[in-house]
Amino acid sequence: MFTLAQARYLVATLHPRVDELIRVRADLAELQADLAAHGVSALGGRPEVKALEARLHAILDELRQPGIEVKSIAPVLLDFPGEREGRPVLWCWLEGDSDVRWYHRADCGFAGRRPI
């Protein structure tokens, strides 16, 4: 369980890791598209695909370590289990947000997001 302050602190400290995830995600998408369309890419070949996939999974494992829920990688969506007014909630951070500004009840999902 995370307090809102803890979730905000973690988001701030995880920015370098999330930025790397975004770079790896983009490189992997471009490499796979090039290989599928042309069989070649300036980014490499099959070994580079495997290396990028491995790095992507390693970053995701790092993000999940402290109990963070990675809900999506495109866009990056992180949920932090917590509590608000006695109810279980997920503090919600979406790629592009500068801070944790949303939450939703654990049983409502993304559609139930509300501003903090």
Protein backbone atom coordinates (compact mmCIF):
# COMPACT_ATOMS: atom_id res chain seq x y z
CA MET A 1 0.00 0.00 0.00
CA PHE A 2 1.23 3.45 -0.93
CA THR A 3 0.24 6.83 0.41
CA LEU A 4 -0.29 9.53 -2.19
CA ALA A 5 2.98 11.14 -1.07
CA GLN A 6 4.84 7.85 -1.56
CA ALA A 7 3.34 7.36 -5.02
CA ARG A 8 4.35 10.88 -6.01
CA TYR A 9 7.87 10.37 -4.68
CA LEU A 10 8.24 7.10 -6.60
CA VAL A 11 7.03 8.67 -9.84
CA ALA A 12 9.60 11.42 -9.44
CA THR A 13 12.42 8.96 -8.78
CA LEU A 14 11.34 6.57 -11.55
CA HIS A 15 11.40 9.15 -14.36
CA PRO A 16 14.82 8.02 -15.69
CA ARG A 17 13.64 4.40 -15.79
CA VAL A 18 10.34 5.37 -17.47
CA ASP A 19 12.21 7.53 -19.99
CA GLU A 20 14.40 4.53 -20.82
CA LEU A 21 11.31 2.36 -21.19
CA ILE A 22 9.86 4.85 -23.68
CA ARG A 23 13.11 4.91 -25.70
CA VAL A 24 13.38 1.12 -25.75
CA ARG A 25 9.69 0.78 -26.66
CA ALA A 26 10.12 3.19 -29.60
CA ASP A 27 13.33 1.54 -30.84
CA LEU A 28 11.73 -1.88 -30.66
CA ALA A 29 8.61 -0.76 -32.53
CA GLU A 30 10.68 0.91 -35.26
CA LEU A 31 13.04 -2.03 -35.60
CA GLN A 32 10.19 -4.55 -35.83
CA ALA A 33 8.32 -2.40 -38.39
CA ASP A 34 11.45 -2.04 -40.55
CA LEU A 35 12.21 -5.75 -40.42
CA ALA A 36 8.61 -6.68 -41.25
CA ALA A 37 8.40 -4.23 -44.16
CA HIS A 38 11.92 -4.41 -45.61
CA GLY A 39 13.82 -7.21 -43.88
CA VAL A 40 16.49 -4.72 -42.80
CA SER A 41 16.79 -1.80 -40.42
CA ALA A 42 19.37 0.79 -39.50
CA LEU A 43 18.69 -0.26 -35.90
CA GLY A 44 19.87 -3.83 -36.50
CA GLY A 45 18.33 -7.23 -36.96
CA ARG A 46 16.90 -10.13 -34.99
CA PRO A 47 19.63 -10.06 -32.31
CA GLU A 48 18.86 -6.40 -31.58
CA VAL A 49 15.13 -7.22 -31.36
CA LYS A 50 15.91 -9.86 -28.74
CA ALA A 51 18.20 -7.48 -26.85
CA LEU A 52 15.56 -4.72 -26.82
CA GLU A 53 12.87 -7.17 -25.71
CA ALA A 54 15.13 -8.35 -22.88
CA ARG A 55 15.85 -4.76 -21.81
CA LEU A 56 12.13 -3.90 -21.93
CA HIS A 57 11.30 -6.84 -19.65
CA ALA A 58 14.14 -5.95 -17.28
CA ILE A 59 12.87 -2.37 -16.94
CA LEU A 60 9.33 -3.63 -16.32
CA ASP A 61 10.64 -5.99 -13.62
CA GLU A 62 12.44 -3.06 -11.97
CA LEU A 63 9.29 -0.94 -12.01
CA ARG A 64 7.21 -3.74 -10.46
CA GLN A 65 9.70 -4.44 -7.64
CA PRO A 66 8.27 -2.08 -5.04
CA GLY A 67 4.67 -3.22 -5.70
CA ILE A 68 3.82 -0.86 -8.52
CA GLU A 69 1.33 -2.21 -11.05
CA VAL A 70 2.35 -1.64 -14.67
CA LYS A 71 -0.97 -1.53 -16.50
CA SER A 72 0.31 -0.49 -19.94
CA ILE A 73 3.55 0.33 -21.72
CA ALA A 74 2.06 2.30 -24.64
CA PRO A 75 1.27 4.68 -23.12
CA VAL A 76 3.02 3.92 -19.83
CA LEU A 77 0.39 3.58 -17.13
CA LEU A 78 1.41 2.91 -13.53
CA ASP A 79 -0.93 2.22 -10.61
CA PHE A 80 0.05 2.40 -6.95
CA PRO A 81 -2.28 0.51 -4.59
CA GLY A 82 -3.39 2.73 -1.74
CA GLU A 83 -6.33 3.88 0.31
CA ARG A 84 -8.53 6.97 0.19
CA GLU A 85 -11.28 7.65 2.71
CA GLY A 86 -11.15 4.04 3.89
CA ARG A 87 -11.54 2.54 0.41
CA PRO A 88 -8.95 0.70 -1.65
CA VAL A 89 -7.83 2.87 -4.57
CA LEU A 90 -5.10 2.97 -7.15
CA TRP A 91 -3.10 6.18 -7.41
CA CYS A 92 -2.75 6.50 -11.16
CA TRP A 93 0.09 7.95 -13.26
CA LEU A 94 -0.13 8.14 -17.05
CA GLU A 95 2.75 8.90 -19.41
CA GLY A 96 2.82 12.63 -19.98
CA ASP A 97 1.55 13.52 -16.50
CA SER A 98 4.02 15.54 -14.47
CA ASP A 99 2.79 14.05 -11.20
CA VAL A 100 0.26 11.59 -9.77
CA ARG A 101 -2.94 13.56 -10.26
CA TRP A 102 -5.55 10.82 -10.57
CA TYR A 103 -6.96 7.89 -8.63
CA HIS A 104 -9.64 5.30 -9.15
CA ARG A 105 -11.31 2.70 -7.03
CA ALA A 106 -9.63 -0.64 -7.39
CA ASP A 107 -12.84 -2.18 -8.73
CA CYS A 108 -13.55 0.52 -11.34
CA GLY A 109 -10.40 0.57 -13.45
CA PHE A 110 -9.17 3.33 -15.70
CA ALA A 111 -12.70 4.36 -16.68
CA GLY A 112 -13.30 5.33 -13.05
CA ARG A 113 -10.36 7.76 -12.85
CA ARG A 114 -10.99 10.91 -10.88
CA PRO A 115 -8.76 13.91 -10.22
CA ILE A 116 -7.21 13.99 -6.78
